Full PDB file with SEQRES, HELIX, SHEET, SSBOND, CRYST1, ORIGX, SCALE, CONECT and MASTER records, all heavy atoms in Angstrom:
SEQRES   1 A   40  GLY GLY SER ALA ASP TYR ALA ASP SER VAL LYS GLY ARG          
SEQRES   2 A   40  PHE ASN ILE SER ARG ASP ASN ALA LYS ALA THR VAL TYR          
SEQRES   3 A   40  LEU GLN MET ASN SER LEU LYS PRO GLU ASP THR ALA VAL          
SEQRES   4 A   40  TYR                                                          
HELIX    1 AA1 ASN A   20  LYS A   22  5                                   3    
HELIX    2 AA2 PRO A   34  ASP A   36  5                                   3    
SHEET    1 AA1 2 PHE A  14  ASP A  19  0                                        
SHEET    2 AA1 2 THR A  24  MET A  29 -1                                        
CRYST1    1.000    1.000    1.000  90.00  90.00  90.00 P 1           1          
ORIGX1      1.000000  0.000000  0.000000        0.00000                         
ORIGX2      0.000000  1.000000  0.000000        0.00000                         
ORIGX3      0.000000  0.000000  1.000000        0.00000                         
SCALE1      1.000000  0.000000  0.000000        0.00000                         
SCALE2      0.000000  1.000000  0.000000        0.00000                         
SCALE3      0.000000  0.000000  1.000000        0.00000                         
ATOM      1  N   GLY A   1     116.958 108.405 105.912  1.00  0.00           N  
ATOM      2  CA  GLY A   1     115.626 108.197 105.333  1.00  0.00           C  
ATOM      3  C   GLY A   1     115.241 106.746 105.263  1.00  0.00           C  
ATOM      4  O   GLY A   1     114.133 106.405 104.838  1.00  0.00           O  
ATOM      5  N   GLY A   2     116.117 105.861 105.729  1.00  0.00           N  
ATOM      6  CA  GLY A   2     115.851 104.447 105.622  1.00  0.00           C  
ATOM      7  C   GLY A   2     115.051 103.865 106.770  1.00  0.00           C  
ATOM      8  O   GLY A   2     114.546 102.753 106.687  1.00  0.00           O  
ATOM      9  N   SER A   3     114.965 104.608 107.865  1.00  0.00           N  
ATOM     10  CA  SER A   3     114.220 104.128 109.028  1.00  0.00           C  
ATOM     11  C   SER A   3     113.177 105.152 109.414  1.00  0.00           C  
ATOM     12  O   SER A   3     113.443 106.351 109.443  1.00  0.00           O  
ATOM     13  CB  SER A   3     115.172 103.920 110.220  1.00  0.00           C  
ATOM     14  OG  SER A   3     116.113 102.911 109.935  1.00  0.00           O  
ATOM     15  N   ALA A   4     111.977 104.654 109.704  1.00  0.00           N  
ATOM     16  CA  ALA A   4     110.876 105.525 110.129  1.00  0.00           C  
ATOM     17  C   ALA A   4     110.192 104.901 111.333  1.00  0.00           C  
ATOM     18  O   ALA A   4     110.223 103.683 111.530  1.00  0.00           O  
ATOM     19  CB  ALA A   4     109.885 105.721 108.986  1.00  0.00           C  
ATOM     20  N   ASP A   5     109.591 105.762 112.135  1.00  0.00           N  
ATOM     21  CA  ASP A   5     108.882 105.315 113.324  1.00  0.00           C  
ATOM     22  C   ASP A   5     107.613 106.140 113.439  1.00  0.00           C  
ATOM     23  O   ASP A   5     107.597 107.312 113.068  1.00  0.00           O  
ATOM     24  CB  ASP A   5     109.762 105.486 114.569  1.00  0.00           C  
ATOM     25  CG  ASP A   5     109.161 104.839 115.797  1.00  0.00           C  
ATOM     26  OD1 ASP A   5     108.308 103.939 115.648  1.00  0.00           O  
ATOM     27  OD2 ASP A   5     109.538 105.223 116.932  1.00  0.00           O  
ATOM     28  N   TYR A   6     106.561 105.514 113.942  1.00  0.00           N  
ATOM     29  CA  TYR A   6     105.275 106.194 114.073  1.00  0.00           C  
ATOM     30  C   TYR A   6     104.636 105.936 115.415  1.00  0.00           C  
ATOM     31  O   TYR A   6     104.803 104.871 115.989  1.00  0.00           O  
ATOM     32  CB  TYR A   6     104.310 105.701 112.971  1.00  0.00           C  
ATOM     33  CG  TYR A   6     104.779 105.981 111.557  1.00  0.00           C  
ATOM     34  CD1 TYR A   6     105.552 105.048 110.873  1.00  0.00           C  
ATOM     35  CD2 TYR A   6     104.449 107.174 110.929  1.00  0.00           C  
ATOM     36  CE1 TYR A   6     105.996 105.311 109.585  1.00  0.00           C  
ATOM     37  CE2 TYR A   6     104.884 107.433 109.635  1.00  0.00           C  
ATOM     38  CZ  TYR A   6     105.665 106.502 108.983  1.00  0.00           C  
ATOM     39  OH  TYR A   6     106.088 106.760 107.703  1.00  0.00           O  
ATOM     40  N   ALA A   7     103.885 106.895 115.878  1.00  0.00           N  
ATOM     41  CA  ALA A   7     103.042 106.673 117.054  1.00  0.00           C  
ATOM     42  C   ALA A   7     101.972 105.657 116.705  1.00  0.00           C  
ATOM     43  O   ALA A   7     101.504 105.594 115.541  1.00  0.00           O  
ATOM     44  CB  ALA A   7     102.402 107.985 117.513  1.00  0.00           C  
ATOM     45  N   ASP A   8     101.594 104.846 117.656  1.00  0.00           N  
ATOM     46  CA  ASP A   8     100.585 103.821 117.392  1.00  0.00           C  
ATOM     47  C   ASP A   8      99.282 104.431 116.852  1.00  0.00           C  
ATOM     48  O   ASP A   8      98.611 103.827 116.025  1.00  0.00           O  
ATOM     49  CB  ASP A   8     100.276 103.045 118.678  1.00  0.00           C  
ATOM     50  CG  ASP A   8     101.415 102.120 119.070  1.00  0.00           C  
ATOM     51  OD1 ASP A   8     102.278 101.825 118.205  1.00  0.00           O  
ATOM     52  OD2 ASP A   8     101.442 101.687 120.231  1.00  0.00           O  
ATOM     53  N   SER A   9      98.977 105.634 117.322  1.00  0.00           N  
ATOM     54  CA  SER A   9      97.705 106.267 116.936  1.00  0.00           C  
ATOM     55  C   SER A   9      97.655 106.670 115.471  1.00  0.00           C  
ATOM     56  O   SER A   9      96.558 106.928 114.947  1.00  0.00           O  
ATOM     57  CB  SER A   9      97.468 107.507 117.813  1.00  0.00           C  
ATOM     58  OG  SER A   9      98.512 108.436 117.657  1.00  0.00           O  
ATOM     59  N   VAL A  10      98.813 106.735 114.804  1.00  0.00           N  
ATOM     60  CA  VAL A  10      98.827 107.165 113.398  1.00  0.00           C  
ATOM     61  C   VAL A  10      99.354 106.103 112.439  1.00  0.00           C  
ATOM     62  O   VAL A  10      99.340 106.307 111.229  1.00  0.00           O  
ATOM     63  CB  VAL A  10      99.637 108.472 113.221  1.00  0.00           C  
ATOM     64  CG1 VAL A  10      99.154 109.550 114.185  1.00  0.00           C  
ATOM     65  CG2 VAL A  10     101.130 108.216 113.382  1.00  0.00           C  
ATOM     66  N   LYS A  11      99.795 104.975 112.980  1.00  0.00           N  
ATOM     67  CA  LYS A  11     100.326 103.913 112.117  1.00  0.00           C  
ATOM     68  C   LYS A  11      99.288 103.467 111.114  1.00  0.00           C  
ATOM     69  O   LYS A  11      98.128 103.267 111.436  1.00  0.00           O  
ATOM     70  CB  LYS A  11     100.772 102.730 112.963  1.00  0.00           C  
ATOM     71  CG  LYS A  11     102.141 102.892 113.587  1.00  0.00           C  
ATOM     72  CD  LYS A  11     102.525 101.662 114.393  1.00  0.00           C  
ATOM     73  CE  LYS A  11     103.891 101.858 115.052  1.00  0.00           C  
ATOM     74  NZ  LYS A  11     104.274 100.721 115.909  1.00  0.00           N  
ATOM     75  N   GLY A  12      99.731 103.329 109.867  1.00  0.00           N  
ATOM     76  CA  GLY A  12      98.843 102.917 108.794  1.00  0.00           C  
ATOM     77  C   GLY A  12      98.071 104.062 108.172  1.00  0.00           C  
ATOM     78  O   GLY A  12      97.443 103.859 107.125  1.00  0.00           O  
ATOM     79  N   ARG A  13      98.110 105.235 108.786  1.00  0.00           N  
ATOM     80  CA  ARG A  13      97.397 106.392 108.256  1.00  0.00           C  
ATOM     81  C   ARG A  13      98.346 107.512 107.812  1.00  0.00           C  
ATOM     82  O   ARG A  13      98.057 108.234 106.867  1.00  0.00           O  
ATOM     83  CB  ARG A  13      96.426 106.964 109.297  1.00  0.00           C  
ATOM     84  CG  ARG A  13      95.362 105.965 109.753  1.00  0.00           C  
ATOM     85  CD  ARG A  13      94.302 106.641 110.629  1.00  0.00           C  
ATOM     86  NE  ARG A  13      94.866 107.190 111.844  1.00  0.00           N  
ATOM     87  CZ  ARG A  13      94.753 108.481 112.208  1.00  0.00           C  
ATOM     88  NH1 ARG A  13      94.137 109.334 111.417  1.00  0.00           N  
ATOM     89  NH2 ARG A  13      95.271 108.897 113.348  1.00  0.00           N  
ATOM     90  N   PHE A  14      99.432 107.679 108.531  1.00  0.00           N  
ATOM     91  CA  PHE A  14     100.394 108.754 108.240  1.00  0.00           C  
ATOM     92  C   PHE A  14     101.678 108.169 107.646  1.00  0.00           C  
ATOM     93  O   PHE A  14     102.047 107.024 107.941  1.00  0.00           O  
ATOM     94  CB  PHE A  14     100.765 109.500 109.517  1.00  0.00           C  
ATOM     95  CG  PHE A  14      99.673 110.354 110.110  1.00  0.00           C  
ATOM     96  CD1 PHE A  14      98.350 110.250 109.673  1.00  0.00           C  
ATOM     97  CD2 PHE A  14      99.950 111.254 111.126  1.00  0.00           C  
ATOM     98  CE1 PHE A  14      97.360 111.038 110.218  1.00  0.00           C  
ATOM     99  CE2 PHE A  14      98.968 112.045 111.677  1.00  0.00           C  
ATOM    100  CZ  PHE A  14      97.664 111.931 111.231  1.00  0.00           C  
ATOM    101  N   ASN A  15     102.341 108.983 106.822  1.00  0.00           N  
ATOM    102  CA  ASN A  15     103.617 108.572 106.254  1.00  0.00           C  
ATOM    103  C   ASN A  15     104.573 109.750 106.250  1.00  0.00           C  
ATOM    104  O   ASN A  15     104.227 110.848 105.775  1.00  0.00           O  
ATOM    105  CB  ASN A  15     103.427 108.084 104.815  1.00  0.00           C  
ATOM    106  CG  ASN A  15     104.723 107.558 104.230  1.00  0.00           C  
ATOM    107  OD1 ASN A  15     105.225 106.523 104.634  1.00  0.00           O  
ATOM    108  ND2 ASN A  15     105.258 108.275 103.265  1.00  0.00           N  
ATOM    109  N   ILE A  16     105.775 109.539 106.781  1.00  0.00           N  
ATOM    110  CA  ILE A  16     106.798 110.571 106.804  1.00  0.00           C  
ATOM    111  C   ILE A  16     107.815 110.268 105.713  1.00  0.00           C  
ATOM    112  O   ILE A  16     108.188 109.108 105.484  1.00  0.00           O  
ATOM    113  CB  ILE A  16     107.473 110.650 108.188  1.00  0.00           C  
ATOM    114  CG1 ILE A  16     108.446 111.829 108.253  1.00  0.00           C  
ATOM    115  CG2 ILE A  16     108.145 109.330 108.573  1.00  0.00           C  
ATOM    116  CD1 ILE A  16     108.999 112.090 109.642  1.00  0.00           C  
ATOM    117  N   SER A  17     108.254 111.325 105.038  1.00  0.00           N  
ATOM    118  CA  SER A  17     109.257 111.162 103.985  1.00  0.00           C  
ATOM    119  C   SER A  17     110.101 112.426 103.897  1.00  0.00           C  
ATOM    120  O   SER A  17     109.746 113.453 104.495  1.00  0.00           O  
ATOM    121  CB  SER A  17     108.556 110.885 102.643  1.00  0.00           C  
ATOM    122  OG  SER A  17     107.741 111.969 102.258  1.00  0.00           O  
ATOM    123  N   ARG A  18     111.191 112.336 103.155  1.00  0.00           N  
ATOM    124  CA  ARG A  18     112.054 113.498 102.992  1.00  0.00           C  
ATOM    125  C   ARG A  18     112.567 113.584 101.579  1.00  0.00           C  
ATOM    126  O   ARG A  18     112.725 112.573 100.901  1.00  0.00           O  
ATOM    127  CB  ARG A  18     113.221 113.450 104.003  1.00  0.00           C  
ATOM    128  CG  ARG A  18     114.219 112.337 103.781  1.00  0.00           C  
ATOM    129  CD  ARG A  18     115.175 112.199 104.966  1.00  0.00           C  
ATOM    130  NE  ARG A  18     115.968 113.418 105.142  1.00  0.00           N  
ATOM    131  CZ  ARG A  18     116.572 113.719 106.302  1.00  0.00           C  
ATOM    132  NH1 ARG A  18     116.480 112.933 107.332  1.00  0.00           N  
ATOM    133  NH2 ARG A  18     117.290 114.841 106.380  1.00  0.00           N  
ATOM    134  N   ASP A  19     112.846 114.821 101.172  1.00  0.00           N  
ATOM    135  CA  ASP A  19     113.461 115.088  99.882  1.00  0.00           C  
ATOM    136  C   ASP A  19     114.676 115.968 100.186  1.00  0.00           C  
ATOM    137  O   ASP A  19     114.535 117.179 100.398  1.00  0.00           O  
ATOM    138  CB  ASP A  19     112.481 115.819  98.959  1.00  0.00           C  
ATOM    139  CG  ASP A  19     113.028 116.019  97.560  1.00  0.00           C  
ATOM    140  OD1 ASP A  19     114.272 116.041  97.407  1.00  0.00           O  
ATOM    141  OD2 ASP A  19     112.233 116.187  96.632  1.00  0.00           O  
ATOM    142  N   ASN A  20     115.839 115.372 100.215  1.00  0.00           N  
ATOM    143  CA  ASN A  20     117.032 116.107 100.592  1.00  0.00           C  
ATOM    144  C   ASN A  20     117.375 117.187  99.565  1.00  0.00           C  
ATOM    145  O   ASN A  20     117.932 118.232  99.922  1.00  0.00           O  
ATOM    146  CB  ASN A  20     118.209 115.156 100.767  1.00  0.00           C  
ATOM    147  CG  ASN A  20     118.085 114.330 102.033  1.00  0.00           C  
ATOM    148  OD1 ASN A  20     117.326 114.670 102.948  1.00  0.00           O  
ATOM    149  ND2 ASN A  20     118.817 113.230 102.084  1.00  0.00           N  
ATOM    150  N   ALA A  21     117.053 116.958  98.305  1.00  0.00           N  
ATOM    151  CA  ALA A  21     117.343 117.958  97.285  1.00  0.00           C  
ATOM    152  C   ALA A  21     116.534 119.242  97.525  1.00  0.00           C  
ATOM    153  O   ALA A  21     117.000 120.335  97.199  1.00  0.00           O  
ATOM    154  CB  ALA A  21     117.041 117.394  95.900  1.00  0.00           C  
ATOM    155  N   LYS A  22     115.353 119.068  98.086  1.00  0.00           N  
ATOM    156  CA  LYS A  22     114.498 120.226  98.403  1.00  0.00           C  
ATOM    157  C   LYS A  22     114.612 120.637  99.861  1.00  0.00           C  
ATOM    158  O   LYS A  22     113.919 121.573 100.282  1.00  0.00           O  
ATOM    159  CB  LYS A  22     113.045 119.914  98.054  1.00  0.00           C  
ATOM    160  CG  LYS A  22     112.804 119.689  96.572  1.00  0.00           C  
ATOM    161  CD  LYS A  22     111.330 119.423  96.300  1.00  0.00           C  
ATOM    162  CE  LYS A  22     111.080 119.228  94.806  1.00  0.00           C  
ATOM    163  NZ  LYS A  22     109.637 118.976  94.517  1.00  0.00           N  
ATOM    164  N   ALA A  23     115.426 119.927 100.633  1.00  0.00           N  
ATOM    165  CA  ALA A  23     115.580 120.215 102.060  1.00  0.00           C  
ATOM    166  C   ALA A  23     114.213 120.277 102.732  1.00  0.00           C  
ATOM    167  O   ALA A  23     113.910 121.210 103.491  1.00  0.00           O  
ATOM    168  CB  ALA A  23     116.355 121.490 102.277  1.00  0.00           C  
ATOM    169  N   THR A  24     113.403 119.275 102.488  1.00  0.00           N  
ATOM    170  CA  THR A  24     112.027 119.281 102.993  1.00  0.00           C  
ATOM    171  C   THR A  24     111.661 117.890 103.510  1.00  0.00           C  
ATOM    172  O   THR A  24     112.035 116.868 102.913  1.00  0.00           O  
ATOM    173  CB  THR A  24     111.063 119.690 101.871  1.00  0.00           C  
ATOM    174  OG1 THR A  24     111.383 121.002 101.407  1.00  0.00           O  
ATOM    175  CG2 THR A  24     109.619 119.699 102.386  1.00  0.00           C  
ATOM    176  N   VAL A  25     110.948 117.890 104.605  1.00  0.00           N  
ATOM    177  CA  VAL A  25     110.357 116.665 105.141  1.00  0.00           C  
ATOM    178  C   VAL A  25     108.844 116.814 105.070  1.00  0.00           C  
ATOM    179  O   VAL A  25     108.318 117.913 105.252  1.00  0.00           O  
ATOM    180  CB  VAL A  25     110.841 116.373 106.578  1.00  0.00           C  
ATOM    181  CG1 VAL A  25     110.401 117.449 107.544  1.00  0.00           C  
ATOM    182  CG2 VAL A  25     110.383 115.001 107.038  1.00  0.00           C  
ATOM    183  N   TYR A  26     108.177 115.704 104.777  1.00  0.00           N  
ATOM    184  CA  TYR A  26     106.737 115.713 104.597  1.00  0.00           C  
ATOM    185  C   TYR A  26     106.046 114.798 105.584  1.00  0.00           C  
ATOM    186  O   TYR A  26     106.632 113.828 106.064  1.00  0.00           O  
ATOM    187  CB  TYR A  26     106.380 115.243 103.167  1.00  0.00           C  
ATOM    188  CG  TYR A  26     107.018 116.048 102.067  1.00  0.00           C  
ATOM    189  CD1 TYR A  26     108.190 115.584 101.449  1.00  0.00           C  
ATOM    190  CD2 TYR A  26     106.475 117.252 101.644  1.00  0.00           C  
ATOM    191  CE1 TYR A  26     108.799 116.314 100.439  1.00  0.00           C  
ATOM    192  CE2 TYR A  26     107.085 117.999 100.627  1.00  0.00           C  
ATOM    193  CZ  TYR A  26     108.242 117.513 100.035  1.00  0.00           C  
ATOM    194  OH  TYR A  26     108.828 118.242  99.029  1.00  0.00           O  
ATOM    195  N   LEU A  27     104.803 115.105 105.859  1.00  0.00           N  
ATOM    196  CA  LEU A  27     103.947 114.204 106.626  1.00  0.00           C  
ATOM    197  C   LEU A  27     102.635 114.082 105.868  1.00  0.00           C  
ATOM    198  O   LEU A  27     101.839 115.026 105.847  1.00  0.00           O  
ATOM    199  CB  LEU A  27     103.708 114.727 108.036  1.00  0.00           C  
ATOM    200  CG  LEU A  27     102.926 113.775 108.944  1.00  0.00           C  
ATOM    201  CD1 LEU A  27     103.761 112.528 109.261  1.00  0.00           C  
ATOM    202  CD2 LEU A  27     102.485 114.456 110.243  1.00  0.00           C  
ATOM    203  N   GLN A  28     102.462 112.953 105.219  1.00  0.00           N  
ATOM    204  CA  GLN A  28     101.214 112.667 104.531  1.00  0.00           C  
ATOM    205  C   GLN A  28     100.238 112.065 105.534  1.00  0.00           C  
ATOM    206  O   GLN A  28     100.537 111.050 106.151  1.00  0.00           O  
ATOM    207  CB  GLN A  28     101.436 111.685 103.380  1.00  0.00           C  
ATOM    208  CG  GLN A  28     100.160 111.302 102.646  1.00  0.00           C  
ATOM    209  CD  GLN A  28      99.542 112.461 101.876  1.00  0.00           C  
ATOM    210  OE1 GLN A  28     100.249 113.210 101.221  1.00  0.00           O  
ATOM    211  NE2 GLN A  28      98.230 112.583 101.977  1.00  0.00           N  
ATOM    212  N   MET A  29      99.100 112.705 105.699  1.00  0.00           N  
ATOM    213  CA  MET A  29      98.114 112.290 106.686  1.00  0.00           C  
ATOM    214  C   MET A  29      96.831 111.883 105.983  1.00  0.00           C  
ATOM    215  O   MET A  29      96.205 112.739 105.312  1.00  0.00           O  
ATOM    216  CB  MET A  29      97.845 113.415 107.675  1.00  0.00           C  
ATOM    217  CG  MET A  29      99.109 113.947 108.346  1.00  0.00           C  
ATOM    218  SD  MET A  29      98.777 115.176 109.635  1.00  0.00           S  
ATOM    219  CE  MET A  29      98.036 116.484 108.664  1.00  0.00           C  
ATOM    220  N   ASN A  30      96.467 110.631 106.112  1.00  0.00           N  
ATOM    221  CA  ASN A  30      95.252 110.112 105.479  1.00  0.00           C  
ATOM    222  C   ASN A  30      94.273 109.631 106.543  1.00  0.00           C  
ATOM    223  O   ASN A  30      94.650 109.427 107.699  1.00  0.00           O  
ATOM    224  CB  ASN A  30      95.611 108.950 104.557  1.00  0.00           C  
ATOM    225  CG  ASN A  30      96.559 109.352 103.446  1.00  0.00           C  
ATOM    226  OD1 ASN A  30      96.489 110.458 102.902  1.00  0.00           O  
ATOM    227  ND2 ASN A  30      97.477 108.463 103.073  1.00  0.00           N  
ATOM    228  N   SER A  31      93.036 109.453 106.140  1.00  0.00           N  
ATOM    229  CA  SER A  31      92.010 108.961 107.046  1.00  0.00           C  
ATOM    230  C   SER A  31      91.998 109.743 108.345  1.00  0.00           C  
ATOM    231  O   SER A  31      91.982 109.173 109.440  1.00  0.00           O  
ATOM    232  CB  SER A  31      92.207 107.467 107.339  1.00  0.00           C  
ATOM    233  OG  SER A  31      92.197 106.707 106.145  1.00  0.00           O  
ATOM    234  N   LEU A  32      92.012 111.040 108.223  1.00  0.00           N  
ATOM    235  CA  LEU A  32      92.110 111.894 109.389  1.00  0.00           C  
ATOM    236  C   LEU A  32      90.898 111.771 110.298  1.00  0.00           C  
ATOM    237  O   LEU A  32      89.746 111.562 109.829  1.00  0.00           O  
ATOM    238  CB  LEU A  32      92.307 113.336 108.967  1.00  0.00           C  
ATOM    239  CG  LEU A  32      93.746 113.654 108.523  1.00  0.00           C  
ATOM    240  CD1 LEU A  32      93.791 114.940 107.696  1.00  0.00           C  
ATOM    241  CD2 LEU A  32      94.674 113.773 109.705  1.00  0.00           C  
ATOM    242  N   LYS A  33      91.154 111.898 111.591  1.00  0.00           N  
ATOM    243  CA  LYS A  33      90.127 111.795 112.613  1.00  0.00           C  
ATOM    244  C   LYS A  33      90.060 113.092 113.414  1.00  0.00           C  
ATOM    245  O   LYS A  33      91.089 113.800 113.495  1.00  0.00           O  
ATOM    246  CB  LYS A  33      90.445 110.642 113.543  1.00  0.00           C  
ATOM    247  CG  LYS A  33      90.631 109.304 112.874  1.00  0.00           C  
ATOM    248  CD  LYS A  33      91.068 108.250 113.872  1.00  0.00           C  
ATOM    249  CE  LYS A  33      91.295 106.895 113.204  1.00  0.00           C  
ATOM    250  NZ  LYS A  33      91.713 105.860 114.190  1.00  0.00           N  
ATOM    251  N   PRO A  34      88.950 113.392 114.048  1.00  0.00           N  
ATOM    252  CA  PRO A  34      88.886 114.593 114.865  1.00  0.00           C  
ATOM    253  C   PRO A  34      89.978 114.642 115.943  1.00  0.00           C  
ATOM    254  O   PRO A  34      90.487 115.725 116.264  1.00  0.00           O  
ATOM    255  CB  PRO A  34      87.490 114.513 115.492  1.00  0.00           C  
ATOM    256  CG  PRO A  34      86.691 113.773 114.469  1.00  0.00           C  
ATOM    257  CD  PRO A  34      87.623 112.745 113.909  1.00  0.00           C  
ATOM    258  N   GLU A  35      90.373 113.491 116.451  1.00  0.00           N  
ATOM    259  CA  GLU A  35      91.403 113.466 117.481  1.00  0.00           C  
ATOM    260  C   GLU A  35      92.801 113.778 116.941  1.00  0.00           C  
ATOM    261  O   GLU A  35      93.748 113.904 117.719  1.00  0.00           O  
ATOM    262  CB  GLU A  35      91.411 112.115 118.214  1.00  0.00           C  
ATOM    263  CG  GLU A  35      91.462 110.903 117.307  1.00  0.00           C  
ATOM    264  CD  GLU A  35      90.061 110.320 117.061  1.00  0.00           C  
ATOM    265  OE1 GLU A  35      89.107 111.111 116.829  1.00  0.00           O  
ATOM    266  OE2 GLU A  35      89.952 109.078 117.098  1.00  0.00           O  
ATOM    267  N   ASP A  36      92.931 113.927 115.628  1.00  0.00           N  
ATOM    268  CA  ASP A  36      94.188 114.361 115.050  1.00  0.00           C  
ATOM    269  C   ASP A  36      94.343 115.883 115.091  1.00  0.00           C  
ATOM    270  O   ASP A  36      95.389 116.405 114.731  1.00  0.00           O  
ATOM    271  CB  ASP A  36      94.310 113.886 113.598  1.00  0.00           C  
ATOM    272  CG  ASP A  36      94.409 112.377 113.455  1.00  0.00           C  
ATOM    273  OD1 ASP A  36      95.111 111.756 114.291  1.00  0.00           O  
ATOM    274  OD2 ASP A  36      93.764 111.813 112.548  1.00  0.00           O  
ATOM    275  N   THR A  37      93.286 116.559 115.505  1.00  0.00           N  
ATOM    276  CA  THR A  37      93.334 118.013 115.570  1.00  0.00           C  
ATOM    277  C   THR A  37      94.395 118.481 116.566  1.00  0.00           C  
ATOM    278  O   THR A  37      94.412 118.054 117.718  1.00  0.00           O  
ATOM    279  CB  THR A  37      91.953 118.572 115.992  1.00  0.00           C  
ATOM    280  OG1 THR A  37      90.996 118.287 114.952  1.00  0.00           O  
ATOM    281  CG2 THR A  37      92.022 120.082 116.217  1.00  0.00           C  
ATOM    282  N   ALA A  38      95.291 119.323 116.093  1.00  0.00           N  
ATOM    283  CA  ALA A  38      96.405 119.807 116.908  1.00  0.00           C  
ATOM    284  C   ALA A  38      97.243 120.787 116.102  1.00  0.00           C  
ATOM    285  O   ALA A  38      97.057 120.920 114.896  1.00  0.00           O  
ATOM    286  CB  ALA A  38      97.272 118.640 117.385  1.00  0.00           C  
ATOM    287  N   VAL A  39      98.180 121.411 116.785  1.00  0.00           N  
ATOM    288  CA  VAL A  39      99.250 122.129 116.089  1.00  0.00           C  
ATOM    289  C   VAL A  39     100.356 121.118 115.849  1.00  0.00           C  
ATOM    290  O   VAL A  39     100.801 120.421 116.783  1.00  0.00           O  
ATOM    291  CB  VAL A  39      99.765 123.322 116.916  1.00  0.00           C  
ATOM    292  CG1 VAL A  39     100.919 123.999 116.191  1.00  0.00           C  
ATOM    293  CG2 VAL A  39      98.634 124.320 117.150  1.00  0.00           C  
ATOM    294  N   TYR A  40     100.794 121.030 114.610  1.00  0.00           N  
ATOM    295  CA  TYR A  40     101.839 120.069 114.236  1.00  0.00           C  
ATOM    296  C   TYR A  40     103.180 120.794 114.084  1.00  0.00           C  
ATOM    297  O   TYR A  40     103.272 121.838 113.400  1.00  0.00           O  
ATOM    298  CB  TYR A  40     101.455 119.379 112.927  1.00  0.00           C  
ATOM    299  CG  TYR A  40     100.423 118.302 113.144  1.00  0.00           C  
ATOM    300  CD1 TYR A  40      99.108 118.633 113.464  1.00  0.00           C  
ATOM    301  CD2 TYR A  40     100.751 116.953 113.052  1.00  0.00           C  
ATOM    302  CE1 TYR A  40      98.156 117.652 113.674  1.00  0.00           C  
ATOM    303  CE2 TYR A  40      99.810 115.973 113.254  1.00  0.00           C  
ATOM    304  CZ  TYR A  40      98.513 116.322 113.576  1.00  0.00           C  
ATOM    305  OH  TYR A  40      97.579 115.342 113.795  1.00  0.00           O  
TER     306      TYR A  40                                                      
MASTER        0    0    0    2    2    0    0    6  305    1    0    4          
END                                                                             
C-alpha cells in the first residue's frame, strides 16, 4: 500500500487505496469527465 501509480489521464483526480482488514481496494474518482465512461 506504500506505492501507487496512475494513468496520466486520471492523475490528480483519482485515488487508489486499500483496507486490508476489510479485504477491499477502493478507487475514489473525482472531477469525472465523459471520457471516463467505461466498465471498470
